[in-house]
Amino acid sequence: MNWRRLVTFVLVFFVATAAAAFPFGFIRGFSLARHQAPPSWLPIGQAIAVMTAGVLVMALLVRRQSTRPWTHAGFMGLSAGILSYPINVLWLGVPVSVWLGSLLAICVMIVLGVPLGLLFRPDKSGTIL
């Protein structure tokens, strides 16, 4: 296991997903401050943006990882999910059920990101399965 790379990519994953979600939170807060209902497309747009950011980070990890890409991506996703618990549930008050749903979303990011990363490897020697 390349621990240094995994720690780096967990941090990149947190920054990328937070950056993808930030504009949507801003729009929601702005709408509520003006006593208006937030746009109906907001949750779907946020989900797509965060999912895209997560898939791209997974693909970048796999693209650079020469051995055991599924293991590395799985460990990175598991680490990010577990480390997000204190931030989301304890600090921000997100319900545990929503946090568990985010673990499912991370699994989807892995399933989409690993083949994408293997596809764009510079040496093209990676196989998907």
C-alpha atoms as a PDB file:
ATOM      1  CA  MET A   1       0.000   0.000   0.000  1.00  0.00           C
ATOM      2  CA  ASN A   2       1.221   3.428  -0.881  1.00  0.00           C
ATOM      3  CA  TRP A   3       0.199   5.166   2.369  1.00  0.00           C
ATOM      4  CA  ARG A   4       1.524   8.570   1.452  1.00  0.00           C
ATOM      5  CA  ARG A   5      -0.452   8.596  -1.782  1.00  0.00           C
ATOM      6  CA  LEU A   6      -3.593   7.373   0.006  1.00  0.00           C
ATOM      7  CA  VAL A   7      -3.402  10.113   2.651  1.00  0.00           C
ATOM      8  CA  THR A   8      -2.824  12.715  -0.045  1.00  0.00           C
ATOM      9  CA  PHE A   9      -5.784  11.535  -2.102  1.00  0.00           C
ATOM     10  CA  VAL A  10      -8.103  11.343   0.926  1.00  0.00           C
ATOM     11  CA  LEU A  11      -7.301  15.021   1.546  1.00  0.00           C
ATOM     12  CA  VAL A  12      -7.800  15.823  -2.145  1.00  0.00           C
ATOM     13  CA  PHE A  13     -11.114  13.931  -2.029  1.00  0.00           C
ATOM     14  CA  PHE A  14     -12.315  16.037   0.926  1.00  0.00           C
ATOM     15  CA  VAL A  15     -11.284  19.300  -0.726  1.00  0.00           C
ATOM     16  CA  ALA A  16     -12.750  18.380  -4.126  1.00  0.00           C
ATOM     17  CA  THR A  17     -16.120  17.247  -2.798  1.00  0.00           C
ATOM     18  CA  ALA A  18     -16.382  20.240  -0.462  1.00  0.00           C
ATOM     19  CA  ALA A  19     -15.502  22.607  -3.300  1.00  0.00           C
ATOM     20  CA  ALA A  20     -18.109  20.951  -5.520  1.00  0.00           C
ATOM     21  CA  ALA A  21     -20.810  21.267  -2.844  1.00  0.00           C
ATOM     22  CA  PHE A  22     -19.982  24.825  -1.738  1.00  0.00           C
ATOM     23  CA  PRO A  23     -21.726  26.794  -4.524  1.00  0.00           C
ATOM     24  CA  PHE A  24     -24.941  24.855  -3.978  1.00  0.00           C
ATOM     25  CA  GLY A  25     -24.870  25.523  -0.244  1.00  0.00           C
ATOM     26  CA  PHE A  26     -24.259  29.183  -0.975  1.00  0.00           C
ATOM     27  CA  ILE A  27     -27.261  29.356  -3.325  1.00  0.00           C
ATOM     28  CA  ARG A  28     -29.441  27.592  -0.749  1.00  0.00           C
ATOM     29  CA  GLY A  29     -28.350  29.946   2.023  1.00  0.00           C
ATOM     30  CA  PHE A  30     -28.838  32.993  -0.172  1.00  0.00           C
ATOM     31  CA  SER A  31     -32.358  31.860  -1.084  1.00  0.00           C
ATOM     32  CA  LEU A  32     -33.280  31.216   2.541  1.00  0.00           C
ATOM     33  CA  ALA A  33     -31.846  34.586   3.608  1.00  0.00           C
ATOM     34  CA  ARG A  34     -34.160  36.251   1.081  1.00  0.00           C
ATOM     35  CA  HIS A  35     -37.081  34.224   2.492  1.00  0.00           C
ATOM     36  CA  GLN A  36     -37.440  32.299  -0.756  1.00  0.00           C
ATOM     37  CA  ALA A  37     -37.586  28.586  -1.362  1.00  0.00           C
ATOM     38  CA  PRO A  38     -34.305  27.193  -2.713  1.00  0.00           C
ATOM     39  CA  PRO A  39     -34.470  26.109  -6.369  1.00  0.00           C
ATOM     40  CA  SER A  40     -35.855  22.625  -6.858  1.00  0.00           C
ATOM     41  CA  TRP A  41     -32.856  21.545  -8.955  1.00  0.00           C
ATOM     42  CA  LEU A  42     -30.394  22.312  -6.164  1.00  0.00           C
ATOM     43  CA  PRO A  43     -30.160  18.847  -4.499  1.00  0.00           C
ATOM     44  CA  ILE A  44     -29.804  17.069  -7.838  1.00  0.00           C
ATOM     45  CA  GLY A  45     -27.182  19.524  -9.054  1.00  0.00           C
ATOM     46  CA  GLN A  46     -25.224  19.184  -5.827  1.00  0.00           C
ATOM     47  CA  ALA A  47     -25.356  15.390  -5.976  1.00  0.00           C
ATOM     48  CA  ILE A  48     -24.111  15.374  -9.576  1.00  0.00           C
ATOM     49  CA  ALA A  49     -21.310  17.838  -8.827  1.00  0.00           C
ATOM     50  CA  VAL A  50     -20.095  15.971  -5.732  1.00  0.00           C
ATOM     51  CA  MET A  51     -20.327  12.593  -7.487  1.00  0.00           C
ATOM     52  CA  THR A  52     -18.354  13.926 -10.463  1.00  0.00           C
ATOM     53  CA  ALA A  53     -15.649  15.358  -8.210  1.00  0.00           C
ATOM     54  CA  GLY A  54     -15.375  12.074  -6.294  1.00  0.00           C
ATOM     55  CA  VAL A  55     -15.181   9.968  -9.454  1.00  0.00           C
ATOM     56  CA  LEU A  56     -12.453  12.211 -10.872  1.00  0.00           C
ATOM     57  CA  VAL A  57     -10.376  11.995  -7.686  1.00  0.00           C
ATOM     58  CA  MET A  58     -10.734   8.188  -7.681  1.00  0.00           C
ATOM     59  CA  ALA A  59      -9.702   8.090 -11.350  1.00  0.00           C
ATOM     60  CA  LEU A  60      -6.654  10.251 -10.662  1.00  0.00           C
ATOM     61  CA  LEU A  61      -5.585   7.952  -7.831  1.00  0.00           C
ATOM     62  CA  VAL A  62      -5.964   4.839  -9.989  1.00  0.00           C
ATOM     63  CA  ARG A  63      -4.208   6.474 -12.926  1.00  0.00           C
ATOM     64  CA  ARG A  64      -1.123   6.961 -10.743  1.00  0.00           C
ATOM     65  CA  GLN A  65      -1.347   3.647  -8.895  1.00  0.00           C
ATOM     66  CA  SER A  66       0.485   0.858 -10.709  1.00  0.00           C
ATOM     67  CA  THR A  67      -0.545  -2.056  -8.468  1.00  0.00           C
ATOM     68  CA  ARG A  68      -3.861  -3.151  -6.927  1.00  0.00           C
ATOM     69  CA  PRO A  69      -5.973  -0.178  -8.052  1.00  0.00           C
ATOM     70  CA  TRP A  70      -9.244  -1.579  -6.654  1.00  0.00           C
ATOM     71  CA  THR A  71      -7.671  -2.140  -3.232  1.00  0.00           C
ATOM     72  CA  HIS A  72      -6.199   1.349  -3.112  1.00  0.00           C
ATOM     73  CA  ALA A  73      -9.413   2.997  -4.284  1.00  0.00           C
ATOM     74  CA  GLY A  74     -11.465   0.957  -1.810  1.00  0.00           C
ATOM     75  CA  PHE A  75      -9.182   1.839   1.070  1.00  0.00           C
ATOM     76  CA  MET A  76      -9.225   5.508   0.092  1.00  0.00           C
ATOM     77  CA  GLY A  77     -13.021   5.497  -0.092  1.00  0.00           C
ATOM     78  CA  LEU A  78     -13.358   3.664   3.218  1.00  0.00           C
ATOM     79  CA  SER A  79     -10.921   6.052   4.896  1.00  0.00           C
ATOM     80  CA  ALA A  80     -12.719   9.109   3.529  1.00  0.00           C
ATOM     81  CA  GLY A  81     -16.082   7.727   4.640  1.00  0.00           C
ATOM     82  CA  ILE A  82     -14.929   6.908   8.168  1.00  0.00           C
ATOM     83  CA  LEU A  83     -13.098  10.219   8.575  1.00  0.00           C
ATOM     84  CA  SER A  84     -16.187  12.090   7.403  1.00  0.00           C
ATOM     85  CA  TYR A  85     -18.255  10.720  10.298  1.00  0.00           C
ATOM     86  CA  PRO A  86     -16.958  13.128  12.974  1.00  0.00           C
ATOM     87  CA  ILE A  87     -17.125  16.060  10.579  1.00  0.00           C
ATOM     88  CA  ASN A  88     -20.609  15.426   9.217  1.00  0.00           C
ATOM     89  CA  VAL A  89     -22.455  13.699  12.063  1.00  0.00           C
ATOM     90  CA  LEU A  90     -20.830  15.057  15.206  1.00  0.00           C
ATOM     91  CA  TRP A  91     -19.852  18.548  14.069  1.00  0.00           C
ATOM     92  CA  LEU A  92     -22.406  19.460  11.387  1.00  0.00           C
ATOM     93  CA  GLY A  93     -25.317  17.420  12.779  1.00  0.00           C
ATOM     94  CA  VAL A  94     -26.023  15.369   9.652  1.00  0.00           C
ATOM     95  CA  PRO A  95     -28.284  12.402  10.484  1.00  0.00           C
ATOM     96  CA  VAL A  96     -26.503   9.042  10.635  1.00  0.00           C
ATOM     97  CA  SER A  97     -28.833   7.672   7.943  1.00  0.00           C
ATOM     98  CA  VAL A  98     -27.692  10.390   5.529  1.00  0.00           C
ATOM     99  CA  TRP A  99     -24.060   9.656   6.399  1.00  0.00           C
ATOM    100  CA  LEU A 100     -24.646   5.965   5.652  1.00  0.00           C
ATOM    101  CA  GLY A 101     -26.092   6.985   2.293  1.00  0.00           C
ATOM    102  CA  SER A 102     -22.898   8.870   1.565  1.00  0.00           C
ATOM    103  CA  LEU A 103     -20.980   5.610   2.065  1.00  0.00           C
ATOM    104  CA  LEU A 104     -23.103   4.113  -0.701  1.00  0.00           C
ATOM    105  CA  ALA A 105     -22.283   7.127  -2.880  1.00  0.00           C
ATOM    106  CA  ILE A 106     -18.564   6.563  -2.215  1.00  0.00           C
ATOM    107  CA  CYS A 107     -18.967   2.952  -3.374  1.00  0.00           C
ATOM    108  CA  VAL A 108     -20.511   4.224  -6.611  1.00  0.00           C
ATOM    109  CA  MET A 109     -17.610   6.661  -6.999  1.00  0.00           C
ATOM    110  CA  ILE A 110     -15.171   3.750  -6.688  1.00  0.00           C
ATOM    111  CA  VAL A 111     -17.065   1.606  -9.197  1.00  0.00           C
ATOM    112  CA  LEU A 112     -17.077   4.460 -11.731  1.00  0.00           C
ATOM    113  CA  GLY A 113     -13.673   5.967 -10.933  1.00  0.00           C
ATOM    114  CA  VAL A 114     -11.463   2.861 -11.055  1.00  0.00           C
ATOM    115  CA  PRO A 115     -12.298   1.851 -14.656  1.00  0.00           C
ATOM    116  CA  LEU A 116     -11.995   5.492 -15.721  1.00  0.00           C
ATOM    117  CA  GLY A 117      -8.551   5.750 -14.126  1.00  0.00           C
ATOM    118  CA  LEU A 118      -7.448   2.470 -15.694  1.00  0.00           C
ATOM    119  CA  LEU A 119      -8.658   3.673 -19.074  1.00  0.00           C
ATOM    120  CA  PHE A 120      -6.495   6.794 -18.915  1.00  0.00           C
ATOM    121  CA  ARG A 121      -3.288   5.248 -17.559  1.00  0.00           C
ATOM    122  CA  PRO A 122      -0.258   6.540 -19.419  1.00  0.00           C
ATOM    123  CA  ASP A 123       1.127   3.031 -20.117  1.00  0.00           C
ATOM    124  CA  LYS A 124      -2.294   1.570 -21.038  1.00  0.00           C
ATOM    125  CA  SER A 125      -1.281  -1.718 -19.365  1.00  0.00           C
ATOM    126  CA  GLY A 126      -4.095  -1.782 -16.801  1.00  0.00           C
ATOM    127  CA  THR A 127      -7.006  -4.118 -17.081  1.00  0.00           C
ATOM    128  CA  ILE A 128     -10.345  -3.257 -15.579  1.00  0.00           C
ATOM    129  CA  LEU A 129     -10.945  -6.649 -13.956  1.00  0.00           C
END
